[in-house]
């Protein structure tokens, strides 16, 4: 069964965010991760504390978790945190 990682984020530093965004796709390949959608949030009910949303799909929950905790992805965390305020959630 597929698993998803949802990312809510608000940009902080354009340069760091761009560097992070350019680096992430290469880290997804080994875990068969796929970017499903990325864009501004349009709340339909309730409030959202983030301006943007990303949804990533993985073949299994284990692959999603392995990607997030991988050395390749974790090496990007400082750049990610400099570029945005975010929340990552695993579903599946």
PDB file of N, CA and C in Angstrom:
ATOM      1  N   UNK A   1       0.839  -1.178   0.000  1.00  0.00           N
ATOM      2  CA  UNK A   1       0.000   0.000   0.000  1.00  0.00           C
ATOM      3  C   UNK A   1       0.886   1.244   0.000  1.00  0.00           C
ATOM      4  N   UNK A   2       0.558   2.201  -0.823  1.00  0.00           N
ATOM      5  CA  UNK A   2       1.331   3.441  -0.906  1.00  0.00           C
ATOM      6  C   UNK A   2       1.304   4.197   0.407  1.00  0.00           C
ATOM      7  N   UNK A   3       2.356   4.949   0.639  1.00  0.00           N
ATOM      8  CA  UNK A   3       2.446   5.843   1.790  1.00  0.00           C
ATOM      9  C   UNK A   3       2.769   7.235   1.268  1.00  0.00           C
ATOM     10  N   UNK A   4       2.382   8.225   2.039  1.00  0.00           N
ATOM     11  CA  UNK A   4       2.556   9.610   1.624  1.00  0.00           C
ATOM     12  C   UNK A   4       3.227  10.400   2.729  1.00  0.00           C
ATOM     13  N   UNK A   5       4.067  11.330   2.315  1.00  0.00           N
ATOM     14  CA  UNK A   5       4.600  12.320   3.235  1.00  0.00           C
ATOM     15  C   UNK A   5       4.042  13.654   2.780  1.00  0.00           C
ATOM     16  N   UNK A   6       3.358  14.329   3.697  1.00  0.00           N
ATOM     17  CA  UNK A   6       2.853  15.665   3.406  1.00  0.00           C
ATOM     18  C   UNK A   6       3.756  16.660   4.112  1.00  0.00           C
ATOM     19  N   UNK A   7       4.025  17.745   3.424  1.00  0.00           N
ATOM     20  CA  UNK A   7       4.902  18.775   3.955  1.00  0.00           C
ATOM     21  C   UNK A   7       4.176  20.109   3.866  1.00  0.00           C
ATOM     22  N   UNK A   8       3.894  20.695   5.020  1.00  0.00           N
ATOM     23  CA  UNK A   8       3.397  22.062   5.046  1.00  0.00           C
ATOM     24  C   UNK A   8       4.588  22.962   5.302  1.00  0.00           C
ATOM     25  N   UNK A   9       4.689  24.056   4.546  1.00  0.00           N
ATOM     26  CA  UNK A   9       5.834  24.939   4.781  1.00  0.00           C
ATOM     27  C   UNK A   9       5.541  26.383   4.403  1.00  0.00           C
ATOM     28  N   UNK A  10       6.301  27.251   5.030  1.00  0.00           N
ATOM     29  CA  UNK A  10       6.288  28.675   4.718  1.00  0.00           C
ATOM     30  C   UNK A  10       7.731  29.086   4.440  1.00  0.00           C
ATOM     31  N   UNK A  11       7.995  29.645   3.263  1.00  0.00           N
ATOM     32  CA  UNK A  11       9.362  30.043   2.916  1.00  0.00           C
ATOM     33  C   UNK A  11       9.914  31.093   3.879  1.00  0.00           C
ATOM     34  N   UNK A  12      11.249  30.978   4.161  1.00  0.00           N
ATOM     35  CA  UNK A  12      11.954  31.968   4.990  1.00  0.00           C
ATOM     36  C   UNK A  12      13.085  32.620   4.209  1.00  0.00           C
ATOM     37  N   UNK A  13      13.880  31.806   3.537  1.00  0.00           N
ATOM     38  CA  UNK A  13      15.055  32.300   2.814  1.00  0.00           C
ATOM     39  C   UNK A  13      15.037  31.704   1.407  1.00  0.00           C
ATOM     40  N   UNK A  14      14.833  32.547   0.423  1.00  0.00           N
ATOM     41  CA  UNK A  14      14.660  32.099  -0.958  1.00  0.00           C
ATOM     42  C   UNK A  14      15.855  31.298  -1.474  1.00  0.00           C
ATOM     43  N   UNK A  15      17.062  31.748  -1.191  1.00  0.00           N
ATOM     44  CA  UNK A  15      18.261  31.076  -1.693  1.00  0.00           C
ATOM     45  C   UNK A  15      18.419  29.669  -1.089  1.00  0.00           C
ATOM     46  N   UNK A  16      18.241  29.557   0.213  1.00  0.00           N
ATOM     47  CA  UNK A  16      18.334  28.251   0.872  1.00  0.00           C
ATOM     48  C   UNK A  16      17.231  27.323   0.400  1.00  0.00           C
ATOM     49  N   UNK A  17      16.032  27.864   0.249  1.00  0.00           N
ATOM     50  CA  UNK A  17      14.904  27.057  -0.210  1.00  0.00           C
ATOM     51  C   UNK A  17      15.141  26.531  -1.620  1.00  0.00           C
ATOM     52  N   UNK A  18      15.686  27.348  -2.489  1.00  0.00           N
ATOM     53  CA  UNK A  18      15.987  26.916  -3.854  1.00  0.00           C
ATOM     54  C   UNK A  18      17.045  25.811  -3.856  1.00  0.00           C
ATOM     55  N   UNK A  19      18.081  25.981  -3.049  1.00  0.00           N
ATOM     56  CA  UNK A  19      19.137  24.960  -2.954  1.00  0.00           C
ATOM     57  C   UNK A  19      18.552  23.636  -2.457  1.00  0.00           C
ATOM     58  N   UNK A  20      17.716  23.699  -1.445  1.00  0.00           N
ATOM     59  CA  UNK A  20      17.052  22.504  -0.901  1.00  0.00           C
ATOM     60  C   UNK A  20      16.173  21.844  -1.966  1.00  0.00           C
ATOM     61  N   UNK A  21      15.341  22.640  -2.627  1.00  0.00           N
ATOM     62  CA  UNK A  21      14.421  22.111  -3.640  1.00  0.00           C
ATOM     63  C   UNK A  21      15.163  21.444  -4.794  1.00  0.00           C
ATOM     64  N   UNK A  22      16.314  21.965  -5.146  1.00  0.00           N
ATOM     65  CA  UNK A  22      17.105  21.372  -6.222  1.00  0.00           C
ATOM     66  C   UNK A  22      17.781  20.070  -5.789  1.00  0.00           C
ATOM     67  N   UNK A  23      18.026  19.904  -4.493  1.00  0.00           N
ATOM     68  CA  UNK A  23      18.745  18.742  -3.983  1.00  0.00           C
ATOM     69  C   UNK A  23      17.855  17.556  -3.637  1.00  0.00           C
ATOM     70  N   UNK A  24      16.616  17.804  -3.260  1.00  0.00           N
ATOM     71  CA  UNK A  24      15.727  16.739  -2.793  1.00  0.00           C
ATOM     72  C   UNK A  24      15.435  15.664  -3.845  1.00  0.00           C
ATOM     73  N   UNK A  25      15.122  15.992  -5.096  1.00  0.00           N
ATOM     74  CA  UNK A  25      14.741  14.945  -6.053  1.00  0.00           C
ATOM     75  C   UNK A  25      15.731  13.786  -6.157  1.00  0.00           C
ATOM     76  N   UNK A  26      17.011  14.053  -6.114  1.00  0.00           N
ATOM     77  CA  UNK A  26      18.009  12.980  -6.204  1.00  0.00           C
ATOM     78  C   UNK A  26      17.924  12.028  -5.017  1.00  0.00           C
ATOM     79  N   UNK A  27      17.478  12.531  -3.863  1.00  0.00           N
ATOM     80  CA  UNK A  27      17.379  11.672  -2.681  1.00  0.00           C
ATOM     81  C   UNK A  27      16.167  10.747  -2.741  1.00  0.00           C
ATOM     82  N   UNK A  28      15.191  11.075  -3.552  1.00  0.00           N
ATOM     83  CA  UNK A  28      13.957  10.281  -3.649  1.00  0.00           C
ATOM     84  C   UNK A  28      14.134   9.013  -4.483  1.00  0.00           C
ATOM     85  N   UNK A  29      15.031   9.032  -5.437  1.00  0.00           N
ATOM     86  CA  UNK A  29      15.163   7.948  -6.424  1.00  0.00           C
ATOM     87  C   UNK A  29      15.366   6.580  -5.777  1.00  0.00           C
ATOM     88  N   UNK A  30      16.304   6.473  -4.865  1.00  0.00           N
ATOM     89  CA  UNK A  30      16.634   5.200  -4.220  1.00  0.00           C
ATOM     90  C   UNK A  30      15.438   4.592  -3.484  1.00  0.00           C
ATOM     91  N   UNK A  31      14.495   5.439  -3.052  1.00  0.00           N
ATOM     92  CA  UNK A  31      13.347   4.990  -2.253  1.00  0.00           C
ATOM     93  C   UNK A  31      12.052   4.987  -3.059  1.00  0.00           C
ATOM     94  N   UNK A  32      12.177   5.136  -4.373  1.00  0.00           N
ATOM     95  CA  UNK A  32      11.035   5.170  -5.293  1.00  0.00           C
ATOM     96  C   UNK A  32      10.025   6.235  -4.906  1.00  0.00           C
ATOM     97  N   UNK A  33      10.530   7.343  -4.369  1.00  0.00           N
ATOM     98  CA  UNK A  33       9.673   8.458  -3.994  1.00  0.00           C
ATOM     99  C   UNK A  33       9.303   9.291  -5.207  1.00  0.00           C
ATOM    100  N   UNK A  34       8.126   9.871  -5.138  1.00  0.00           N
ATOM    101  CA  UNK A  34       7.612  10.641  -6.271  1.00  0.00           C
ATOM    102  C   UNK A  34       6.909  11.895  -5.759  1.00  0.00           C
ATOM    103  N   UNK A  35       7.247  13.040  -6.344  1.00  0.00           N
ATOM    104  CA  UNK A  35       6.554  14.281  -6.037  1.00  0.00           C
ATOM    105  C   UNK A  35       5.189  14.241  -6.722  1.00  0.00           C
ATOM    106  N   UNK A  36       4.125  14.327  -5.926  1.00  0.00           N
ATOM    107  CA  UNK A  36       2.768  14.310  -6.472  1.00  0.00           C
ATOM    108  C   UNK A  36       2.286  15.717  -6.777  1.00  0.00           C
ATOM    109  N   UNK A  37       2.459  16.624  -5.822  1.00  0.00           N
ATOM    110  CA  UNK A  37       1.992  17.996  -6.016  1.00  0.00           C
ATOM    111  C   UNK A  37       2.744  18.934  -5.084  1.00  0.00           C
ATOM    112  N   UNK A  38       2.922  20.168  -5.543  1.00  0.00           N
ATOM    113  CA  UNK A  38       3.524  21.229  -4.741  1.00  0.00           C
ATOM    114  C   UNK A  38       2.842  22.524  -5.134  1.00  0.00           C
ATOM    115  N   UNK A  39       2.394  23.268  -4.135  1.00  0.00           N
ATOM    116  CA  UNK A  39       1.776  24.540  -4.458  1.00  0.00           C
ATOM    117  C   UNK A  39       1.220  25.252  -3.249  1.00  0.00           C
ATOM    118  N   UNK A  40       0.667  26.441  -3.486  1.00  0.00           N
ATOM    119  CA  UNK A  40       0.090  27.224  -2.398  1.00  0.00           C
ATOM    120  C   UNK A  40      -1.131  26.527  -1.804  1.00  0.00           C
ATOM    121  N   UNK A  41      -1.328  26.738  -0.513  1.00  0.00           N
ATOM    122  CA  UNK A  41      -2.463  26.163   0.194  1.00  0.00           C
ATOM    123  C   UNK A  41      -3.671  27.094   0.043  1.00  0.00           C
ATOM    124  N   UNK A  42      -4.816  26.491  -0.254  1.00  0.00           N
ATOM    125  CA  UNK A  42      -6.087  27.218  -0.277  1.00  0.00           C
ATOM    126  C   UNK A  42      -7.020  26.528   0.720  1.00  0.00           C
ATOM    127  N   UNK A  43      -7.082  27.041   1.955  1.00  0.00           N
ATOM    128  CA  UNK A  43      -7.904  26.385   2.963  1.00  0.00           C
ATOM    129  C   UNK A  43      -9.381  26.356   2.554  1.00  0.00           C
ATOM    130  N   UNK A  44      -9.993  25.206   2.704  1.00  0.00           N
ATOM    131  CA  UNK A  44     -11.420  25.057   2.445  1.00  0.00           C
ATOM    132  C   UNK A  44     -12.215  25.035   3.744  1.00  0.00           C
ATOM    133  N   UNK A  45     -11.569  24.586   4.815  1.00  0.00           N
ATOM    134  CA  UNK A  45     -12.194  24.568   6.137  1.00  0.00           C
ATOM    135  C   UNK A  45     -11.105  24.643   7.192  1.00  0.00           C
ATOM    136  N   UNK A  46     -11.246  25.508   8.150  1.00  0.00           N
ATOM    137  CA  UNK A  46     -10.230  25.658   9.188  1.00  0.00           C
ATOM    138  C   UNK A  46      -9.081  26.525   8.719  1.00  0.00           C
ATOM    139  N   UNK A  47      -8.088  26.621   9.576  1.00  0.00           N
ATOM    140  CA  UNK A  47      -6.939  27.474   9.291  1.00  0.00           C
ATOM    141  C   UNK A  47      -5.697  26.636   9.007  1.00  0.00           C
ATOM    142  N   UNK A  48      -4.847  27.148   8.150  1.00  0.00           N
ATOM    143  CA  UNK A  48      -3.560  26.524   7.881  1.00  0.00           C
ATOM    144  C   UNK A  48      -2.470  27.486   8.311  1.00  0.00           C
ATOM    145  N   UNK A  49      -1.476  26.973   9.023  1.00  0.00           N
ATOM    146  CA  UNK A  49      -0.387  27.843   9.461  1.00  0.00           C
ATOM    147  C   UNK A  49       0.743  27.903   8.430  1.00  0.00           C
ATOM    148  N   UNK A  50       0.607  27.168   7.333  1.00  0.00           N
ATOM    149  CA  UNK A  50       1.638  27.161   6.306  1.00  0.00           C
ATOM    150  C   UNK A  50       1.083  27.686   4.982  1.00  0.00           C
ATOM    151  N   UNK A  51       1.962  28.319   4.196  1.00  0.00           N
ATOM    152  CA  UNK A  51       1.563  28.896   2.920  1.00  0.00           C
ATOM    153  C   UNK A  51       1.576  27.891   1.770  1.00  0.00           C
ATOM    154  N   UNK A  52       2.419  26.863   1.876  1.00  0.00           N
ATOM    155  CA  UNK A  52       2.618  25.920   0.777  1.00  0.00           C
ATOM    156  C   UNK A  52       2.436  24.490   1.278  1.00  0.00           C
ATOM    157  N   UNK A  53       2.180  23.571   0.332  1.00  0.00           N
ATOM    158  CA  UNK A  53       2.024  22.147   0.662  1.00  0.00           C
ATOM    159  C   UNK A  53       2.713  21.314  -0.412  1.00  0.00           C
ATOM    160  N   UNK A  54       3.340  20.223   0.034  1.00  0.00           N
ATOM    161  CA  UNK A  54       3.952  19.243  -0.868  1.00  0.00           C
ATOM    162  C   UNK A  54       3.426  17.876  -0.473  1.00  0.00           C
ATOM    163  N   UNK A  55       3.155  17.030  -1.463  1.00  0.00           N
ATOM    164  CA  UNK A  55       2.779  15.639  -1.195  1.00  0.00           C
ATOM    165  C   UNK A  55       3.728  14.744  -1.972  1.00  0.00           C
ATOM    166  N   UNK A  56       4.397  13.839  -1.235  1.00  0.00           N
ATOM    167  CA  UNK A  56       5.296  12.849  -1.818  1.00  0.00           C
ATOM    168  C   UNK A  56       4.674  11.476  -1.662  1.00  0.00           C
ATOM    169  N   UNK A  57       4.822  10.623  -2.679  1.00  0.00           N
ATOM    170  CA  UNK A  57       4.297   9.252  -2.608  1.00  0.00           C
ATOM    171  C   UNK A  57       5.450   8.264  -2.650  1.00  0.00           C
ATOM    172  N   UNK A  58       5.328   7.207  -1.834  1.00  0.00           N
ATOM    173  CA  UNK A  58       6.300   6.126  -1.771  1.00  0.00           C
ATOM    174  C   UNK A  58       5.558   4.797  -1.864  1.00  0.00           C
ATOM    175  N   UNK A  59       6.215   3.737  -2.311  1.00  0.00           N
ATOM    176  CA  UNK A  59       5.537   2.442  -2.440  1.00  0.00           C
ATOM    177  C   UNK A  59       5.046   1.877  -1.099  1.00  0.00           C
ATOM    178  N   UNK A  60       5.781   2.164  -0.021  1.00  0.00           N
ATOM    179  CA  UNK A  60       5.422   1.635   1.303  1.00  0.00           C
ATOM    180  C   UNK A  60       5.775   2.667   2.379  1.00  0.00           C
ATOM    181  N   UNK A  61       5.205   2.465   3.554  1.00  0.00           N
ATOM    182  CA  UNK A  61       5.525   3.319   4.695  1.00  0.00           C
ATOM    183  C   UNK A  61       7.005   3.178   5.059  1.00  0.00           C
ATOM    184  N   UNK A  62       7.527   1.966   4.945  1.00  0.00           N
ATOM    185  CA  UNK A  62       8.927   1.721   5.259  1.00  0.00           C
ATOM    186  C   UNK A  62       9.852   2.519   4.333  1.00  0.00           C
ATOM    187  N   UNK A  63       9.545   2.541   3.037  1.00  0.00           N
ATOM    188  CA  UNK A  63      10.364   3.310   2.087  1.00  0.00           C
ATOM    189  C   UNK A  63      10.293   4.802   2.399  1.00  0.00           C
ATOM    190  N   UNK A  64       9.112   5.290   2.752  1.00  0.00           N
ATOM    191  CA  UNK A  64       8.957   6.706   3.088  1.00  0.00           C
ATOM    192  C   UNK A  64       9.802   7.056   4.307  1.00  0.00           C
ATOM    193  N   UNK A  65       9.720   6.238   5.325  1.00  0.00           N
ATOM    194  CA  UNK A  65      10.487   6.461   6.546  1.00  0.00           C
ATOM    195  C   UNK A  65      11.991   6.334   6.278  1.00  0.00           C
ATOM    196  N   UNK A  66      12.364   5.336   5.487  1.00  0.00           N
ATOM    197  CA  UNK A  66      13.778   5.158   5.144  1.00  0.00           C
ATOM    198  C   UNK A  66      14.323   6.376   4.401  1.00  0.00           C
ATOM    199  N   UNK A  67      13.512   6.949   3.508  1.00  0.00           N
ATOM    200  CA  UNK A  67      13.941   8.154   2.801  1.00  0.00           C
ATOM    201  C   UNK A  67      14.172   9.300   3.785  1.00  0.00           C
ATOM    202  N   UNK A  68      13.172   9.550   4.634  1.00  0.00           N
ATOM    203  CA  UNK A  68      13.272  10.690   5.540  1.00  0.00           C
ATOM    204  C   UNK A  68      14.498  10.581   6.452  1.00  0.00           C
ATOM    205  N   UNK A  69      14.765   9.389   6.962  1.00  0.00           N
ATOM    206  CA  UNK A  69      15.880   9.204   7.896  1.00  0.00           C
ATOM    207  C   UNK A  69      17.204   8.847   7.208  1.00  0.00           C
ATOM    208  N   UNK A  70      17.207   8.808   5.878  1.00  0.00           N
ATOM    209  CA  UNK A  70      18.435   8.464   5.155  1.00  0.00           C
ATOM    210  C   UNK A  70      19.504   9.539   5.344  1.00  0.00           C
ATOM    211  N   UNK A  71      20.747   9.122   5.257  1.00  0.00           N
ATOM    212  CA  UNK A  71      21.864  10.072   5.356  1.00  0.00           C
ATOM    213  C   UNK A  71      21.782  11.115   4.248  1.00  0.00           C
ATOM    214  N   UNK A  72      21.342  10.695   3.056  1.00  0.00           N
ATOM    215  CA  UNK A  72      21.247  11.616   1.921  1.00  0.00           C
ATOM    216  C   UNK A  72      20.264  12.746   2.220  1.00  0.00           C
ATOM    217  N   UNK A  73      19.093  12.382   2.741  1.00  0.00           N
ATOM    218  CA  UNK A  73      18.111  13.425   3.034  1.00  0.00           C
ATOM    219  C   UNK A  73      18.500  14.221   4.276  1.00  0.00           C
ATOM    220  N   UNK A  74      18.951  13.543   5.314  1.00  0.00           N
ATOM    221  CA  UNK A  74      19.298  14.239   6.551  1.00  0.00           C
ATOM    222  C   UNK A  74      20.419  15.261   6.348  1.00  0.00           C
ATOM    223  N   UNK A  75      21.245  15.041   5.337  1.00  0.00           N
ATOM    224  CA  UNK A  75      22.305  16.014   5.048  1.00  0.00           C
ATOM    225  C   UNK A  75      21.738  17.351   4.553  1.00  0.00           C
ATOM    226  N   UNK A  76      20.455  17.365   4.172  1.00  0.00           N
ATOM    227  CA  UNK A  76      19.807  18.574   3.666  1.00  0.00           C
ATOM    228  C   UNK A  76      19.003  19.318   4.724  1.00  0.00           C
ATOM    229  N   UNK A  77      18.900  18.762   5.917  1.00  0.00           N
ATOM    230  CA  UNK A  77      18.017  19.324   6.942  1.00  0.00           C
ATOM    231  C   UNK A  77      18.413  20.749   7.348  1.00  0.00           C
ATOM    232  N   UNK A  78      19.685  21.031   7.504  1.00  0.00           N
ATOM    233  CA  UNK A  78      20.092  22.397   7.876  1.00  0.00           C
ATOM    234  C   UNK A  78      19.693  23.395   6.794  1.00  0.00           C
ATOM    235  N   UNK A  79      19.887  23.024   5.531  1.00  0.00           N
ATOM    236  CA  UNK A  79      19.485  23.891   4.420  1.00  0.00           C
ATOM    237  C   UNK A  79      17.969  24.048   4.402  1.00  0.00           C
ATOM    238  N   UNK A  80      17.246  22.941   4.609  1.00  0.00           N
ATOM    239  CA  UNK A  80      15.778  22.991   4.678  1.00  0.00           C
ATOM    240  C   UNK A  80      15.328  23.963   5.755  1.00  0.00           C
ATOM    241  N   UNK A  81      15.880  23.823   6.955  1.00  0.00           N
ATOM    242  CA  UNK A  81      15.457  24.649   8.075  1.00  0.00           C
ATOM    243  C   UNK A  81      15.808  26.123   7.886  1.00  0.00           C
ATOM    244  N   UNK A  82      16.883  26.394   7.165  1.00  0.00           N
ATOM    245  CA  UNK A  82      17.234  27.779   6.855  1.00  0.00           C
ATOM    246  C   UNK A  82      16.263  28.367   5.831  1.00  0.00           C
ATOM    247  N   UNK A  83      15.763  27.517   4.945  1.00  0.00           N
ATOM    248  CA  UNK A  83      14.907  27.985   3.856  1.00  0.00           C
ATOM    249  C   UNK A  83      13.435  28.074   4.174  1.00  0.00           C
ATOM    250  N   UNK A  84      12.978  27.313   5.187  1.00  0.00           N
ATOM    251  CA  UNK A  84      11.536  27.300   5.450  1.00  0.00           C
ATOM    252  C   UNK A  84      11.217  26.834   6.862  1.00  0.00           C
ATOM    253  N   UNK A  85      10.064  27.257   7.341  1.00  0.00           N
ATOM    254  CA  UNK A  85       9.438  26.668   8.522  1.00  0.00           C
ATOM    255  C   UNK A  85       8.560  25.559   7.978  1.00  0.00           C
ATOM    256  N   UNK A  86       8.623  24.362   8.570  1.00  0.00           N
ATOM    257  CA  UNK A  86       7.895  23.251   7.962  1.00  0.00           C
ATOM    258  C   UNK A  86       7.411  22.230   8.976  1.00  0.00           C
ATOM    259  N   UNK A  87       6.523  21.385   8.491  1.00  0.00           N
ATOM    260  CA  UNK A  87       6.016  20.235   9.242  1.00  0.00           C
ATOM    261  C   UNK A  87       5.915  19.086   8.262  1.00  0.00           C
ATOM    262  N   UNK A  88       6.484  17.924   8.622  1.00  0.00           N
ATOM    263  CA  UNK A  88       6.435  16.717   7.800  1.00  0.00           C
ATOM    264  C   UNK A  88       5.541  15.696   8.496  1.00  0.00           C
ATOM    265  N   UNK A  89       4.630  15.089   7.748  1.00  0.00           N
ATOM    266  CA  UNK A  89       3.718  14.096   8.291  1.00  0.00           C
ATOM    267  C   UNK A  89       3.738  12.853   7.400  1.00  0.00           C
ATOM    268  N   UNK A  90       3.783  11.678   8.011  1.00  0.00           N
ATOM    269  CA  UNK A  90       3.773  10.394   7.281  1.00  0.00           C
ATOM    270  C   UNK A  90       2.386   9.795   7.386  1.00  0.00           C
ATOM    271  N   UNK A  91       1.817   9.421   6.248  1.00  0.00           N
ATOM    272  CA  UNK A  91       0.483   8.833   6.185  1.00  0.00           C
ATOM    273  C   UNK A  91       0.575   7.512   5.436  1.00  0.00           C
ATOM    274  N   UNK A  92       0.033   6.456   6.007  1.00  0.00           N
ATOM    275  CA  UNK A  92      -0.021   5.219   5.261  1.00  0.00           C
ATOM    276  C   UNK A  92       0.411   4.008   6.042  1.00  0.00           C
TER     277      UNK A  92
END
